[in-house]
N, C-alpha and C. Protein backbone atom coordinates (compact mmCIF):
# COMPACT_ATOMS: atom_id res chain seq x y z
N MET A 1 104.03 115.36 82.87
CA MET A 1 102.96 115.39 83.89
C MET A 1 101.58 115.27 83.28
N GLY A 2 101.45 115.66 82.01
CA GLY A 2 100.16 115.54 81.35
C GLY A 2 99.69 114.10 81.25
N THR A 3 100.64 113.18 81.03
CA THR A 3 100.28 111.76 80.96
C THR A 3 99.72 111.29 82.29
N THR A 4 100.37 111.70 83.38
CA THR A 4 99.88 111.34 84.71
C THR A 4 98.47 111.87 84.93
N MET A 5 98.25 113.12 84.61
CA MET A 5 96.95 113.74 84.82
C MET A 5 95.86 113.03 84.02
N LEU A 6 96.15 112.72 82.75
CA LEU A 6 95.15 112.06 81.91
C LEU A 6 94.87 110.64 82.38
N ALA A 7 95.90 109.93 82.81
CA ALA A 7 95.70 108.56 83.30
C ALA A 7 94.81 108.55 84.54
N GLN A 8 95.07 109.46 85.47
CA GLN A 8 94.24 109.53 86.68
C GLN A 8 92.85 110.07 86.38
N CYS A 9 92.78 110.99 85.46
CA CYS A 9 91.48 111.54 85.06
C CYS A 9 90.59 110.43 84.50
N SER A 10 91.16 109.59 83.66
CA SER A 10 90.38 108.48 83.09
C SER A 10 89.90 107.52 84.17
N ALA A 11 90.81 107.19 85.09
CA ALA A 11 90.45 106.23 86.15
C ALA A 11 89.31 106.75 87.01
N TYR A 12 89.40 108.00 87.45
CA TYR A 12 88.40 108.53 88.37
C TYR A 12 87.19 109.12 87.65
N PHE A 13 87.28 109.27 86.36
CA PHE A 13 86.11 109.58 85.55
C PHE A 13 85.06 108.49 85.74
N LEU A 14 85.53 107.24 85.78
CA LEU A 14 84.63 106.10 85.96
C LEU A 14 84.50 105.70 87.42
N TYR A 15 85.62 105.64 88.14
CA TYR A 15 85.58 105.11 89.50
C TYR A 15 84.69 105.94 90.43
N THR A 16 84.67 107.25 90.23
CA THR A 16 83.84 108.11 91.08
C THR A 16 82.37 107.71 91.00
N TYR A 17 81.97 107.19 89.86
CA TYR A 17 80.56 106.82 89.63
C TYR A 17 80.43 105.32 89.37
N ILE A 18 81.29 104.55 90.04
CA ILE A 18 81.31 103.11 89.82
C ILE A 18 80.02 102.45 90.31
N GLY A 19 79.40 103.03 91.34
CA GLY A 19 78.14 102.47 91.84
C GLY A 19 77.05 102.49 90.79
N PRO A 20 76.73 103.66 90.21
CA PRO A 20 75.73 103.69 89.13
C PRO A 20 76.15 102.85 87.91
N PHE A 21 77.45 102.86 87.60
CA PHE A 21 77.92 102.08 86.45
C PHE A 21 77.67 100.59 86.63
N LEU A 22 77.85 100.08 87.85
CA LEU A 22 77.70 98.64 88.11
C LEU A 22 76.32 98.28 88.65
N HIS A 23 75.39 99.22 88.60
CA HIS A 23 74.07 98.94 89.17
C HIS A 23 73.39 97.77 88.47
N GLY A 24 73.65 97.60 87.19
CA GLY A 24 73.02 96.50 86.46
C GLY A 24 73.43 95.14 86.97
N VAL A 25 74.68 95.01 87.43
CA VAL A 25 75.14 93.71 87.92
C VAL A 25 74.97 93.57 89.43
N THR A 26 74.97 94.68 90.15
CA THR A 26 74.80 94.59 91.61
C THR A 26 73.34 94.64 92.01
N GLY A 27 72.50 95.21 91.17
CA GLY A 27 71.09 95.34 91.52
C GLY A 27 70.87 96.21 92.74
N GLY A 28 71.83 97.09 93.02
CA GLY A 28 71.70 97.95 94.20
C GLY A 28 72.18 97.30 95.49
N SER A 29 72.73 96.10 95.39
CA SER A 29 73.20 95.39 96.58
C SER A 29 74.51 96.00 97.08
N VAL A 30 74.50 96.42 98.34
CA VAL A 30 75.70 96.98 98.93
C VAL A 30 76.78 95.91 99.07
N VAL A 31 76.39 94.70 99.38
CA VAL A 31 77.35 93.60 99.55
C VAL A 31 78.08 93.33 98.24
N LYS A 32 77.35 93.24 97.15
CA LYS A 32 77.97 92.97 95.85
C LYS A 32 78.89 94.12 95.43
N LEU A 33 78.43 95.34 95.64
CA LEU A 33 79.26 96.48 95.28
C LEU A 33 80.54 96.51 96.12
N THR A 34 80.40 96.18 97.40
CA THR A 34 81.58 96.13 98.28
C THR A 34 82.57 95.08 97.80
N LEU A 35 82.06 93.92 97.38
CA LEU A 35 82.91 92.86 96.86
C LEU A 35 83.68 93.32 95.62
N LEU A 36 82.99 94.00 94.74
CA LEU A 36 83.63 94.48 93.51
C LEU A 36 84.66 95.57 93.80
N LEU A 37 84.34 96.46 94.71
CA LEU A 37 85.29 97.51 95.08
C LEU A 37 86.51 96.91 95.78
N PHE A 38 86.28 95.87 96.56
CA PHE A 38 87.40 95.18 97.21
C PHE A 38 88.31 94.54 96.16
N GLY A 39 87.70 93.93 95.14
CA GLY A 39 88.48 93.35 94.05
C GLY A 39 89.27 94.41 93.31
N TRP A 40 88.64 95.55 93.05
CA TRP A 40 89.33 96.64 92.37
C TRP A 40 90.51 97.14 93.22
N GLY A 41 90.28 97.27 94.51
CA GLY A 41 91.35 97.71 95.41
C GLY A 41 92.52 96.73 95.45
N LEU A 42 92.21 95.43 95.45
CA LEU A 42 93.28 94.43 95.40
C LEU A 42 94.08 94.56 94.11
N GLY A 43 93.37 94.83 93.01
CA GLY A 43 94.06 95.02 91.74
C GLY A 43 95.00 96.22 91.78
N VAL A 44 94.53 97.33 92.35
CA VAL A 44 95.37 98.52 92.47
C VAL A 44 96.59 98.22 93.34
N LEU A 45 96.37 97.52 94.44
CA LEU A 45 97.47 97.18 95.34
C LEU A 45 98.50 96.31 94.62
N ALA A 46 98.02 95.31 93.88
CA ALA A 46 98.94 94.44 93.15
C ALA A 46 99.72 95.22 92.09
N GLY A 47 99.01 96.11 91.38
CA GLY A 47 99.67 96.93 90.36
C GLY A 47 100.75 97.81 90.95
N THR A 48 100.45 98.43 92.08
CA THR A 48 101.43 99.29 92.75
C THR A 48 102.62 98.48 93.23
N PHE A 49 102.36 97.26 93.70
CA PHE A 49 103.41 96.42 94.25
C PHE A 49 104.39 95.96 93.18
N VAL A 50 103.90 95.59 92.01
CA VAL A 50 104.78 95.04 90.97
C VAL A 50 105.28 96.12 90.00
N ALA A 51 104.76 97.34 90.10
CA ALA A 51 105.14 98.39 89.15
C ALA A 51 106.64 98.65 89.16
N GLY A 52 107.23 98.71 90.35
CA GLY A 52 108.66 98.95 90.45
C GLY A 52 109.48 97.85 89.81
N ARG A 53 109.08 96.60 90.03
CA ARG A 53 109.82 95.47 89.45
C ARG A 53 109.69 95.46 87.93
N LEU A 54 108.49 95.76 87.44
CA LEU A 54 108.31 95.82 85.99
C LEU A 54 109.16 96.94 85.38
N THR A 55 109.19 98.07 86.07
CA THR A 55 109.96 99.21 85.57
C THR A 55 111.45 98.92 85.58
N ASP A 56 111.92 98.18 86.60
CA ASP A 56 113.34 97.82 86.65
C ASP A 56 113.71 96.82 85.57
N ARG A 57 112.77 95.96 85.21
CA ARG A 57 113.07 94.91 84.24
C ARG A 57 112.90 95.39 82.81
N PHE A 58 111.92 96.22 82.57
CA PHE A 58 111.64 96.71 81.23
C PHE A 58 111.80 98.24 81.21
N ALA A 59 111.84 98.79 80.02
CA ALA A 59 111.94 100.25 79.91
C ALA A 59 110.68 100.89 80.48
N PRO A 60 110.83 101.98 81.25
CA PRO A 60 109.66 102.62 81.87
C PRO A 60 108.58 103.00 80.87
N HIS A 61 108.97 103.53 79.70
CA HIS A 61 107.95 103.95 78.75
C HIS A 61 107.19 102.75 78.18
N LYS A 62 107.86 101.59 78.07
CA LYS A 62 107.17 100.39 77.59
C LYS A 62 106.14 99.90 78.61
N VAL A 63 106.52 99.92 79.88
CA VAL A 63 105.58 99.52 80.93
C VAL A 63 104.38 100.46 80.95
N LEU A 64 104.65 101.75 80.91
CA LEU A 64 103.58 102.75 80.97
C LEU A 64 102.62 102.60 79.80
N ILE A 65 103.13 102.57 78.60
CA ILE A 65 102.28 102.52 77.41
C ILE A 65 101.51 101.20 77.33
N THR A 66 102.18 100.09 77.70
CA THR A 66 101.50 98.79 77.67
C THR A 66 100.33 98.75 78.63
N VAL A 67 100.55 99.24 79.85
CA VAL A 67 99.48 99.21 80.86
C VAL A 67 98.34 100.13 80.46
N LEU A 68 98.66 101.29 79.93
CA LEU A 68 97.61 102.20 79.47
C LEU A 68 96.83 101.59 78.31
N ALA A 69 97.52 100.87 77.42
CA ALA A 69 96.83 100.22 76.30
C ALA A 69 95.89 99.12 76.79
N VAL A 70 96.33 98.35 77.78
CA VAL A 70 95.46 97.31 78.35
C VAL A 70 94.26 97.96 79.03
N SER A 71 94.51 99.06 79.74
CA SER A 71 93.40 99.79 80.38
C SER A 71 92.40 100.27 79.34
N LEU A 72 92.89 100.74 78.22
CA LEU A 72 92.02 101.19 77.13
C LEU A 72 91.11 100.06 76.67
N VAL A 73 91.68 98.88 76.46
CA VAL A 73 90.89 97.72 76.02
C VAL A 73 89.86 97.34 77.08
N LEU A 74 90.27 97.32 78.34
CA LEU A 74 89.35 96.95 79.41
C LEU A 74 88.18 97.93 79.51
N LEU A 75 88.45 99.20 79.33
CA LEU A 75 87.38 100.19 79.38
C LEU A 75 86.42 100.03 78.20
N LEU A 76 86.97 99.77 77.03
CA LEU A 76 86.11 99.58 75.86
C LEU A 76 85.24 98.33 76.00
N LEU A 77 85.76 97.33 76.74
CA LEU A 77 85.00 96.10 76.95
C LEU A 77 84.17 96.15 78.23
N GLY A 78 84.22 97.27 78.95
CA GLY A 78 83.59 97.35 80.26
C GLY A 78 82.11 97.00 80.27
N THR A 79 81.37 97.51 79.29
CA THR A 79 79.92 97.27 79.27
C THR A 79 79.61 95.79 79.10
N TRP A 80 80.40 95.10 78.27
CA TRP A 80 80.15 93.68 78.00
C TRP A 80 80.78 92.79 79.06
N ALA A 81 81.83 93.27 79.73
CA ALA A 81 82.52 92.45 80.73
C ALA A 81 81.82 92.48 82.08
N THR A 82 80.82 93.34 82.24
CA THR A 82 80.15 93.47 83.54
C THR A 82 78.71 92.94 83.49
N VAL A 83 78.51 91.87 82.73
CA VAL A 83 77.16 91.31 82.60
C VAL A 83 76.83 90.35 83.74
N SER A 84 77.85 89.82 84.41
CA SER A 84 77.61 88.92 85.54
C SER A 84 78.58 89.28 86.66
N LEU A 85 78.29 88.83 87.85
CA LEU A 85 79.13 89.16 89.00
C LEU A 85 80.52 88.57 88.84
N GLU A 86 80.59 87.35 88.30
CA GLU A 86 81.88 86.68 88.16
C GLU A 86 82.80 87.41 87.19
N THR A 87 82.27 87.74 86.01
CA THR A 87 83.10 88.44 85.03
C THR A 87 83.45 89.85 85.49
N THR A 88 82.56 90.45 86.26
CA THR A 88 82.82 91.80 86.75
C THR A 88 83.94 91.80 87.77
N VAL A 89 84.01 90.77 88.60
CA VAL A 89 85.11 90.66 89.56
C VAL A 89 86.45 90.59 88.84
N VAL A 90 86.50 89.77 87.78
CA VAL A 90 87.74 89.64 87.00
C VAL A 90 88.09 90.98 86.33
N TRP A 91 87.07 91.63 85.78
CA TRP A 91 87.28 92.92 85.12
C TRP A 91 87.77 93.96 86.12
N ALA A 92 87.18 93.99 87.31
CA ALA A 92 87.57 94.97 88.32
C ALA A 92 89.01 94.75 88.78
N LEU A 93 89.40 93.48 88.96
CA LEU A 93 90.77 93.17 89.34
C LEU A 93 91.75 93.65 88.27
N ALA A 94 91.45 93.32 87.01
CA ALA A 94 92.35 93.68 85.91
C ALA A 94 92.45 95.19 85.74
N TRP A 95 91.30 95.86 85.77
CA TRP A 95 91.32 97.32 85.60
C TRP A 95 92.02 98.00 86.78
N GLY A 96 91.77 97.49 87.99
CA GLY A 96 92.44 98.05 89.16
C GLY A 96 93.96 97.90 89.05
N PHE A 97 94.41 96.77 88.53
CA PHE A 97 95.84 96.56 88.33
C PHE A 97 96.41 97.62 87.38
N CYS A 98 95.70 97.89 86.31
CA CYS A 98 96.15 98.89 85.34
C CYS A 98 96.14 100.30 85.92
N VAL A 99 95.25 100.56 86.85
CA VAL A 99 95.21 101.87 87.50
C VAL A 99 96.39 102.03 88.46
N GLY A 100 96.82 100.92 89.07
CA GLY A 100 97.87 100.99 90.07
C GLY A 100 99.28 101.10 89.54
N VAL A 101 99.50 100.72 88.28
CA VAL A 101 100.87 100.66 87.75
C VAL A 101 101.45 101.99 87.30
N PRO A 102 100.73 102.85 86.55
CA PRO A 102 101.37 103.91 85.78
C PRO A 102 102.23 104.92 86.54
N ILE A 103 101.93 105.22 87.78
CA ILE A 103 102.65 106.30 88.47
C ILE A 103 104.15 106.00 88.59
N ILE A 104 104.50 104.75 88.89
CA ILE A 104 105.91 104.41 89.10
C ILE A 104 106.73 104.56 87.82
N PRO A 105 106.35 103.94 86.70
CA PRO A 105 107.15 104.15 85.49
C PRO A 105 107.15 105.60 85.02
N GLN A 106 106.06 106.32 85.27
CA GLN A 106 106.04 107.73 84.89
C GLN A 106 107.05 108.53 85.71
N GLN A 107 107.19 108.20 86.98
CA GLN A 107 108.20 108.87 87.80
C GLN A 107 109.60 108.60 87.27
N HIS A 108 109.86 107.38 86.86
CA HIS A 108 111.16 107.04 86.30
C HIS A 108 111.42 107.83 85.02
N ARG A 109 110.40 107.97 84.19
CA ARG A 109 110.56 108.74 82.96
C ARG A 109 110.91 110.19 83.26
N LEU A 110 110.23 110.78 84.22
CA LEU A 110 110.48 112.17 84.55
C LEU A 110 111.89 112.38 85.08
N VAL A 111 112.34 111.47 85.94
CA VAL A 111 113.69 111.59 86.49
C VAL A 111 114.74 111.45 85.39
N SER A 112 114.48 110.56 84.42
CA SER A 112 115.44 110.37 83.33
C SER A 112 115.51 111.60 82.42
N PHE A 113 114.42 112.36 82.34
CA PHE A 113 114.43 113.58 81.52
C PHE A 113 115.41 114.61 82.07
N SER A 114 115.39 114.79 83.39
CA SER A 114 116.25 115.80 83.99
C SER A 114 116.55 115.39 85.43
N PRO A 115 117.58 114.56 85.64
CA PRO A 115 117.88 114.09 87.00
C PRO A 115 118.11 115.22 88.00
N ALA A 116 118.73 116.31 87.56
CA ALA A 116 119.01 117.41 88.47
C ALA A 116 117.74 118.08 88.99
N ALA A 117 116.68 118.03 88.19
CA ALA A 117 115.43 118.67 88.58
C ALA A 117 114.40 117.66 89.10
N SER A 118 114.86 116.46 89.46
CA SER A 118 113.92 115.41 89.84
C SER A 118 113.03 115.77 91.03
N PRO A 119 113.51 116.47 92.08
CA PRO A 119 112.59 116.81 93.17
C PRO A 119 111.42 117.68 92.70
N VAL A 120 111.71 118.63 91.84
CA VAL A 120 110.65 119.50 91.32
C VAL A 120 109.70 118.71 90.43
N LEU A 121 110.27 117.87 89.55
CA LEU A 121 109.45 117.10 88.63
C LEU A 121 108.55 116.11 89.37
N LEU A 122 109.09 115.46 90.39
CA LEU A 122 108.28 114.50 91.15
C LEU A 122 107.19 115.21 91.93
N GLY A 123 107.48 116.42 92.43
CA GLY A 123 106.45 117.20 93.10
C GLY A 123 105.33 117.60 92.17
N LEU A 124 105.69 118.02 90.97
CA LEU A 124 104.69 118.39 89.97
C LEU A 124 103.90 117.16 89.53
N ASN A 125 104.57 116.02 89.47
CA ASN A 125 103.86 114.79 89.09
C ASN A 125 102.83 114.41 90.14
N SER A 126 103.20 114.57 91.42
CA SER A 126 102.24 114.29 92.50
C SER A 126 101.04 115.23 92.42
N ALA A 127 101.31 116.50 92.12
CA ALA A 127 100.21 117.45 91.95
C ALA A 127 99.32 117.05 90.78
N SER A 128 99.93 116.51 89.72
CA SER A 128 99.16 116.09 88.55
C SER A 128 98.22 114.94 88.88
N VAL A 129 98.64 114.09 89.82
CA VAL A 129 97.77 112.98 90.24
C VAL A 129 96.46 113.53 90.81
N TYR A 130 96.57 114.49 91.71
CA TYR A 130 95.37 115.03 92.36
C TYR A 130 94.54 115.89 91.42
N ILE A 131 95.21 116.59 90.51
CA ILE A 131 94.46 117.35 89.51
C ILE A 131 93.67 116.40 88.63
N GLY A 132 94.30 115.30 88.23
CA GLY A 132 93.62 114.32 87.40
C GLY A 132 92.42 113.69 88.09
N ILE A 133 92.59 113.38 89.39
CA ILE A 133 91.48 112.80 90.15
C ILE A 133 90.30 113.77 90.22
N ALA A 134 90.60 115.03 90.55
CA ALA A 134 89.53 116.03 90.65
C ALA A 134 88.87 116.27 89.30
N LEU A 135 89.69 116.36 88.26
CA LEU A 135 89.16 116.61 86.93
C LEU A 135 88.31 115.44 86.44
N GLY A 136 88.75 114.21 86.75
CA GLY A 136 87.99 113.04 86.35
C GLY A 136 86.61 113.00 86.97
N GLY A 137 86.55 113.28 88.28
CA GLY A 137 85.26 113.29 88.95
C GLY A 137 84.33 114.36 88.40
N ALA A 138 84.90 115.56 88.14
CA ALA A 138 84.08 116.65 87.62
C ALA A 138 83.57 116.35 86.21
N LEU A 139 84.45 115.88 85.35
CA LEU A 139 84.03 115.57 83.98
C LEU A 139 83.05 114.40 83.93
N GLY A 140 83.26 113.42 84.80
CA GLY A 140 82.33 112.30 84.86
C GLY A 140 80.94 112.75 85.26
N GLY A 141 80.87 113.66 86.24
CA GLY A 141 79.57 114.18 86.67
C GLY A 141 78.88 114.96 85.57
N LEU A 142 79.64 115.76 84.84
CA LEU A 142 79.05 116.51 83.73
C LEU A 142 78.57 115.57 82.63
N THR A 143 79.33 114.51 82.39
CA THR A 143 78.96 113.57 81.34
C THR A 143 77.66 112.85 81.67
N LEU A 144 77.41 112.62 82.95
CA LEU A 144 76.18 111.93 83.35
C LEU A 144 74.93 112.73 83.04
N THR A 145 75.06 114.01 82.73
CA THR A 145 73.89 114.81 82.39
C THR A 145 73.36 114.48 80.99
N TRP A 146 74.19 113.84 80.16
CA TRP A 146 73.73 113.50 78.81
C TRP A 146 74.05 112.07 78.40
N LEU A 147 74.72 111.31 79.30
CA LEU A 147 75.06 109.92 78.98
C LEU A 147 74.70 109.03 80.16
N SER A 148 74.18 107.86 79.90
CA SER A 148 73.79 106.95 80.97
C SER A 148 75.05 106.38 81.65
N PRO A 149 74.95 106.02 82.94
CA PRO A 149 76.13 105.56 83.68
C PRO A 149 76.82 104.34 83.05
N ASP A 150 76.06 103.45 82.42
CA ASP A 150 76.67 102.25 81.85
C ASP A 150 77.51 102.54 80.60
N LYS A 151 77.49 103.78 80.13
CA LYS A 151 78.29 104.16 78.95
C LYS A 151 79.51 105.00 79.33
N LEU A 152 79.78 105.16 80.61
CA LEU A 152 80.88 106.01 81.04
C LEU A 152 82.25 105.48 80.62
N THR A 153 82.33 104.19 80.36
CA THR A 153 83.62 103.62 79.97
C THR A 153 84.11 104.16 78.62
N VAL A 154 83.18 104.58 77.77
CA VAL A 154 83.58 105.04 76.43
C VAL A 154 84.38 106.34 76.50
N PRO A 155 83.88 107.41 77.13
CA PRO A 155 84.71 108.61 77.25
C PRO A 155 85.95 108.39 78.11
N ALA A 156 85.85 107.50 79.12
CA ALA A 156 87.04 107.19 79.92
C ALA A 156 88.12 106.57 79.05
N ALA A 157 87.71 105.70 78.13
CA ALA A 157 88.67 105.10 77.20
C ALA A 157 89.29 106.16 76.30
N GLY A 158 88.48 107.15 75.89
CA GLY A 158 89.01 108.23 75.07
C GLY A 158 90.09 109.03 75.79
N ILE A 159 89.92 109.23 77.09
CA ILE A 159 90.92 109.96 77.87
C ILE A 159 92.21 109.15 77.97
N VAL A 160 92.07 107.83 78.15
CA VAL A 160 93.27 106.96 78.18
C VAL A 160 94.00 107.02 76.84
N ALA A 161 93.24 107.04 75.75
CA ALA A 161 93.86 107.13 74.43
C ALA A 161 94.70 108.40 74.31
N LEU A 162 94.20 109.50 74.85
CA LEU A 162 94.98 110.74 74.84
C LEU A 162 96.25 110.60 75.67
N ALA A 163 96.15 109.90 76.80
CA ALA A 163 97.33 109.67 77.64
C ALA A 163 98.38 108.85 76.89
N ILE A 164 97.93 107.85 76.14
CA ILE A 164 98.86 107.03 75.36
C ILE A 164 99.55 107.87 74.29
N LEU A 165 98.79 108.67 73.58
CA LEU A 165 99.36 109.52 72.54
C LEU A 165 100.39 110.49 73.13
N LEU A 166 100.07 111.06 74.28
CA LEU A 166 101.00 111.99 74.91
C LEU A 166 102.26 111.28 75.36
N ALA A 167 102.11 110.08 75.91
CA ALA A 167 103.27 109.31 76.35
C ALA A 167 104.16 108.95 75.16
N LEU A 168 103.55 108.60 74.05
CA LEU A 168 104.33 108.26 72.86
C LEU A 168 105.10 109.46 72.32
N THR A 169 104.45 110.61 72.32
CA THR A 169 105.09 111.80 71.74
C THR A 169 106.17 112.39 72.66
N THR A 170 106.14 112.02 73.94
CA THR A 170 107.15 112.56 74.87
C THR A 170 108.19 111.52 75.25
N THR A 171 108.18 110.38 74.59
CA THR A 171 109.17 109.35 74.87
C THR A 171 110.46 109.66 74.13
N ARG A 172 111.54 109.69 74.85
CA ARG A 172 112.84 109.98 74.25
C ARG A 172 113.52 108.68 73.86
N THR A 173 114.04 108.65 72.65
CA THR A 173 114.81 107.50 72.20
C THR A 173 116.26 107.70 72.59
N PRO A 174 116.95 106.62 72.93
CA PRO A 174 118.35 106.76 73.32
C PRO A 174 119.17 107.39 72.20
N GLN A 175 120.00 108.34 72.56
CA GLN A 175 120.84 109.01 71.58
C GLN A 175 122.11 108.19 71.36
N ALA A 176 122.56 108.20 70.11
CA ALA A 176 123.80 107.49 69.80
C ALA A 176 124.96 108.17 70.50
N ALA A 177 125.90 107.36 70.97
CA ALA A 177 127.05 107.90 71.68
C ALA A 177 127.89 108.75 70.74
N ALA A 178 128.36 109.87 71.24
CA ALA A 178 129.18 110.76 70.43
C ALA A 178 130.53 110.11 70.18
N PRO A 179 131.11 110.27 68.99
CA PRO A 179 132.41 109.68 68.71
C PRO A 179 133.46 110.24 69.64
N ALA A 180 134.41 109.38 70.02
CA ALA A 180 135.46 109.80 70.94
C ALA A 180 136.31 110.89 70.29
N GLU A 181 136.66 111.87 71.09
CA GLU A 181 137.48 112.96 70.58
C GLU A 181 138.89 112.45 70.34
N PRO A 182 139.50 112.72 69.20
CA PRO A 182 140.85 112.22 68.94
C PRO A 182 141.85 112.80 69.91
N ALA A 183 142.91 112.04 70.13
CA ALA A 183 143.94 112.49 71.05
C ALA A 183 144.63 113.73 70.52
N ALA A 184 145.31 114.45 71.42
CA ALA A 184 145.93 115.71 71.03
C ALA A 184 146.97 115.50 69.93
N GLY A 185 147.73 114.40 70.04
CA GLY A 185 148.74 114.12 69.03
C GLY A 185 148.14 113.84 67.68
N GLN A 186 146.97 113.15 67.67
CA GLN A 186 146.30 112.84 66.41
C GLN A 186 145.73 114.09 65.78
N ARG A 187 145.20 115.03 66.59
CA ARG A 187 144.67 116.27 66.03
C ARG A 187 145.76 117.09 65.38
N ALA A 188 146.96 116.98 65.93
CA ALA A 188 148.07 117.77 65.39
C ALA A 188 148.77 117.06 64.23
N GLY A 189 148.30 115.87 63.88
CA GLY A 189 148.90 115.14 62.78
C GLY A 189 150.07 114.29 63.18
N THR A 190 150.23 114.04 64.50
CA THR A 190 151.33 113.21 64.98
C THR A 190 151.08 111.77 64.58
N PRO A 191 152.03 111.06 63.99
CA PRO A 191 151.82 109.67 63.58
C PRO A 191 151.62 108.76 64.78
N GLU A 192 150.95 107.65 64.53
CA GLU A 192 150.69 106.67 65.57
C GLU A 192 151.99 106.02 66.01
N PRO A 193 152.08 105.60 67.25
CA PRO A 193 153.24 104.86 67.71
C PRO A 193 153.41 103.58 66.91
N LYS A 194 154.67 103.10 66.82
CA LYS A 194 154.95 101.94 65.99
C LYS A 194 154.24 100.69 66.46
N GLU A 195 154.06 100.58 67.80
CA GLU A 195 153.48 99.32 68.29
C GLU A 195 151.98 99.24 68.08
N THR A 196 151.34 100.29 67.67
CA THR A 196 149.89 100.26 67.44
C THR A 196 149.63 99.63 66.08
N SER A 197 148.80 98.57 66.10
CA SER A 197 148.55 97.83 64.86
C SER A 197 147.42 98.41 64.05
N THR A 198 146.46 99.06 64.72
CA THR A 198 145.31 99.60 63.99
C THR A 198 145.45 101.10 63.83
N PRO A 199 145.49 101.62 62.61
CA PRO A 199 145.65 103.06 62.43
C PRO A 199 144.43 103.81 62.91
N ALA A 200 144.62 105.04 63.41
CA ALA A 200 143.51 105.88 63.85
C ALA A 200 142.74 106.37 62.65
N THR A 201 141.41 106.53 62.82
CA THR A 201 140.58 107.00 61.72
C THR A 201 139.91 108.30 62.13
């Protein structure tokens, strides 16, 4: 659940203050800001729509870590990618897509950890989403007291990096299958039947 919280915290660390962050490219224009927010929303919608298919096709942890890594790069490039309205639209679409994907593969990871406890785990994961959103907005507001809005992408990227590290450290590798238990006759030293060509080991 920590990965979910950090991913949402990073997203809303910046998104809550997206107006001041994009003031340089919008010039205070409500129309331009609305266009950019619409693009971001389309990106989130697209990410949510394809997240399930990506998770079904690839391993959930690979989808999660890849999307978070792309989000990290986009945030680090945020200041330079938002110099014009055109590039900002592309950046908003891409970043919105990365914000929309992570919840689905994270849910799959949690269920795979303990299928029997999946209702509890999914409930806690949903709670982590809202905690992350609230925490992101609060931390973003505190950061604005000593950092200009156009630099908010840097600490947001740092939070994503923490989410990636946590996802990597909590990823379970498939365990090798346990060797088959020998038959009762083999445990007792009973010889193999004559028709068996390969001796038991």
